[in-house]
Amino acid sequence: MILDWLNRRSSVEVPCTVEIEQTPETLHAHVSLDASFEIEPGDEVTVHDAPTSVPYGERLVVRRTATVTRAGRIERLWTKLAGHLELTELYEVSFTERRRL
C-alpha cells in the first residue's frame, strides 16, 4: 500500500500550442503547455495530433491537446539521481607524474 502511494502516477489533459518553423533563419519546433504547474523530472508529455513538419520557408502555429503523465515519487527521485550520475560521466580527470607550464 505504501509503495502504491509512493509510485502513484496521475495524468491530466491540458491545451497546448505547437509552433514549427523551417525558414532560412531558423529551424525549430516548440510546444508550450497552458498548464498551471511545472513539468518536473520523470514527467511525460504526449501531444495529440501534432504536425511533424512544415514546407520550407513556412511557419505553422496550431492549438492541440497534450496529456501530461506525472511521475510518482520513486520515479521522480530515480530520475533526479540518474541525471546527476549521468552528469558526472561528463567530467574528465587525468593525473600525470609531472607538470609542464
C-alpha atoms as a PDB file:
ATOM      1  CA  MET A   1       0.000   0.000   0.000  1.00  0.00           C
ATOM      2  CA  ILE A   2       2.824   2.424   0.822  1.00  0.00           C
ATOM      3  CA  LEU A   3       4.623   1.533  -2.429  1.00  0.00           C
ATOM      4  CA  ASP A   4       1.442   2.278  -4.382  1.00  0.00           C
ATOM      5  CA  TRP A   5       1.266   5.700  -2.742  1.00  0.00           C
ATOM      6  CA  LEU A   6       4.959   6.404  -3.428  1.00  0.00           C
ATOM      7  CA  ASN A   7       4.816   5.332  -7.067  1.00  0.00           C
ATOM      8  CA  ARG A   8       1.325   6.566  -7.974  1.00  0.00           C
ATOM      9  CA  ARG A   9       1.164   8.251 -11.379  1.00  0.00           C
ATOM     10  CA  SER A  10      -1.547  10.630 -12.464  1.00  0.00           C
ATOM     11  CA  SER A  11      -2.487  12.045 -15.858  1.00  0.00           C
ATOM     12  CA  VAL A  12      -4.044  15.336 -16.838  1.00  0.00           C
ATOM     13  CA  GLU A  13      -5.005  16.736 -20.244  1.00  0.00           C
ATOM     14  CA  VAL A  14      -4.042  20.342 -20.958  1.00  0.00           C
ATOM     15  CA  PRO A  15      -4.310  22.573 -24.028  1.00  0.00           C
ATOM     16  CA  CYS A  16      -1.057  23.470 -25.736  1.00  0.00           C
ATOM     17  CA  THR A  17       0.387  25.469 -28.620  1.00  0.00           C
ATOM     18  CA  VAL A  18       2.674  23.797 -31.156  1.00  0.00           C
ATOM     19  CA  GLU A  19       4.963  26.011 -33.234  1.00  0.00           C
ATOM     20  CA  ILE A  20       7.063  24.653 -36.099  1.00  0.00           C
ATOM     21  CA  GLU A  21       9.193  26.849 -38.331  1.00  0.00           C
ATOM     22  CA  GLN A  22      11.503  25.960 -41.211  1.00  0.00           C
ATOM     23  CA  THR A  23      12.928  29.120 -42.767  1.00  0.00           C
ATOM     24  CA  PRO A  24      16.394  30.281 -43.828  1.00  0.00           C
ATOM     25  CA  GLU A  25      16.720  31.997 -40.432  1.00  0.00           C
ATOM     26  CA  THR A  26      15.575  29.167 -38.158  1.00  0.00           C
ATOM     27  CA  LEU A  27      14.564  25.539 -37.877  1.00  0.00           C
ATOM     28  CA  HIS A  28      12.684  24.759 -34.667  1.00  0.00           C
ATOM     29  CA  ALA A  29       9.690  23.094 -33.052  1.00  0.00           C
ATOM     30  CA  HIS A  30       8.309  24.220 -29.695  1.00  0.00           C
ATOM     31  CA  VAL A  31       5.420  23.114 -27.508  1.00  0.00           C
ATOM     32  CA  SER A  32       4.014  25.493 -24.887  1.00  0.00           C
ATOM     33  CA  LEU A  33       1.682  23.956 -22.321  1.00  0.00           C
ATOM     34  CA  ASP A  34      -1.196  26.031 -20.956  1.00  0.00           C
ATOM     35  CA  ALA A  35      -0.867  24.426 -17.533  1.00  0.00           C
ATOM     36  CA  SER A  36      -0.770  25.926 -14.067  1.00  0.00           C
ATOM     37  CA  PHE A  37       2.001  23.540 -12.962  1.00  0.00           C
ATOM     38  CA  GLU A  38       5.638  22.933 -13.839  1.00  0.00           C
ATOM     39  CA  ILE A  39       6.891  19.858 -15.675  1.00  0.00           C
ATOM     40  CA  GLU A  40       9.206  18.026 -13.288  1.00  0.00           C
ATOM     41  CA  PRO A  41      11.806  15.255 -13.699  1.00  0.00           C
ATOM     42  CA  GLY A  42      10.208  11.983 -14.763  1.00  0.00           C
ATOM     43  CA  ASP A  43       7.012  13.553 -16.136  1.00  0.00           C
ATOM     44  CA  GLU A  44       5.942  12.561 -19.651  1.00  0.00           C
ATOM     45  CA  VAL A  45       4.181  14.804 -22.172  1.00  0.00           C
ATOM     46  CA  THR A  46       2.312  13.430 -25.199  1.00  0.00           C
ATOM     47  CA  VAL A  47       0.947  15.917 -27.741  1.00  0.00           C
ATOM     48  CA  HIS A  48      -2.079  14.616 -29.661  1.00  0.00           C
ATOM     49  CA  ASP A  49      -2.371  15.173 -33.450  1.00  0.00           C
ATOM     50  CA  ALA A  50       0.721  17.362 -33.583  1.00  0.00           C
ATOM     51  CA  PRO A  51       2.069  18.246 -37.033  1.00  0.00           C
ATOM     52  CA  THR A  52       5.540  16.873 -37.660  1.00  0.00           C
ATOM     53  CA  SER A  53       6.792  19.126 -40.450  1.00  0.00           C
ATOM     54  CA  VAL A  54       6.128  22.244 -42.487  1.00  0.00           C
ATOM     55  CA  PRO A  55       7.211  23.118 -46.029  1.00  0.00           C
ATOM     56  CA  TYR A  56      10.473  25.008 -46.351  1.00  0.00           C
ATOM     57  CA  GLY A  57      10.057  28.733 -45.824  1.00  0.00           C
ATOM     58  CA  GLU A  58       6.927  28.434 -43.684  1.00  0.00           C
ATOM     59  CA  ARG A  59       5.879  28.724 -40.063  1.00  0.00           C
ATOM     60  CA  LEU A  60       2.951  26.864 -38.504  1.00  0.00           C
ATOM     61  CA  VAL A  61       1.277  27.556 -35.151  1.00  0.00           C
ATOM     62  CA  VAL A  62      -1.570  25.239 -34.069  1.00  0.00           C
ATOM     63  CA  ARG A  63      -3.534  24.566 -30.877  1.00  0.00           C
ATOM     64  CA  ARG A  64      -3.630  20.949 -29.693  1.00  0.00           C
ATOM     65  CA  THR A  65      -4.218  18.899 -26.552  1.00  0.00           C
ATOM     66  CA  ALA A  66      -1.434  17.261 -24.562  1.00  0.00           C
ATOM     67  CA  THR A  67      -1.555  14.546 -21.911  1.00  0.00           C
ATOM     68  CA  VAL A  68       0.857  15.110 -19.028  1.00  0.00           C
ATOM     69  CA  THR A  69       1.620  11.970 -17.020  1.00  0.00           C
ATOM     70  CA  ARG A  70       3.049  12.977 -13.672  1.00  0.00           C
ATOM     71  CA  ALA A  71       5.829  10.753 -12.279  1.00  0.00           C
ATOM     72  CA  GLY A  72       5.405   9.052  -8.932  1.00  0.00           C
ATOM     73  CA  ARG A  73       7.667   9.956  -6.019  1.00  0.00           C
ATOM     74  CA  ILE A  74      10.023   6.994  -6.515  1.00  0.00           C
ATOM     75  CA  GLU A  75      10.285   7.564 -10.273  1.00  0.00           C
ATOM     76  CA  ARG A  76      10.931  11.297  -9.764  1.00  0.00           C
ATOM     77  CA  LEU A  77      13.690  10.567  -7.229  1.00  0.00           C
ATOM     78  CA  TRP A  78      15.238   7.938  -9.526  1.00  0.00           C
ATOM     79  CA  THR A  79      15.184  10.357 -12.494  1.00  0.00           C
ATOM     80  CA  LYS A  80      16.932  13.063 -10.480  1.00  0.00           C
ATOM     81  CA  LEU A  81      19.569  10.594  -9.231  1.00  0.00           C
ATOM     82  CA  ALA A  82      20.183   9.178 -12.712  1.00  0.00           C
ATOM     83  CA  GLY A  83      20.533  12.710 -14.094  1.00  0.00           C
ATOM     84  CA  HIS A  84      23.220  13.565 -11.544  1.00  0.00           C
ATOM     85  CA  LEU A  85      25.081  10.315 -12.234  1.00  0.00           C
ATOM     86  CA  GLU A  86      24.948  10.914 -15.995  1.00  0.00           C
ATOM     87  CA  LEU A  87      26.354  14.392 -15.457  1.00  0.00           C
ATOM     88  CA  THR A  88      29.381  13.035 -13.614  1.00  0.00           C
ATOM     89  CA  GLU A  89      30.252  10.937 -16.683  1.00  0.00           C
ATOM     90  CA  LEU A  90      30.983  14.207 -18.486  1.00  0.00           C
ATOM     91  CA  TYR A  91      33.827  15.041 -16.112  1.00  0.00           C
ATOM     92  CA  GLU A  92      37.278  14.109 -17.332  1.00  0.00           C
ATOM     93  CA  VAL A  93      40.045  13.828 -14.805  1.00  0.00           C
ATOM     94  CA  SER A  94      43.625  12.882 -15.538  1.00  0.00           C
ATOM     95  CA  PHE A  95      46.692  12.575 -13.386  1.00  0.00           C
ATOM     96  CA  THR A  96      50.234  12.933 -14.656  1.00  0.00           C
ATOM     97  CA  GLU A  97      53.557  12.469 -12.913  1.00  0.00           C
ATOM     98  CA  ARG A  98      54.959  15.822 -13.946  1.00  0.00           C
ATOM     99  CA  ARG A  99      53.601  19.183 -14.771  1.00  0.00           C
ATOM    100  CA  ARG A 100      54.655  21.428 -17.631  1.00  0.00           C
ATOM    101  CA  LEU A 101      53.802  25.083 -17.805  1.00  0.00           C
END
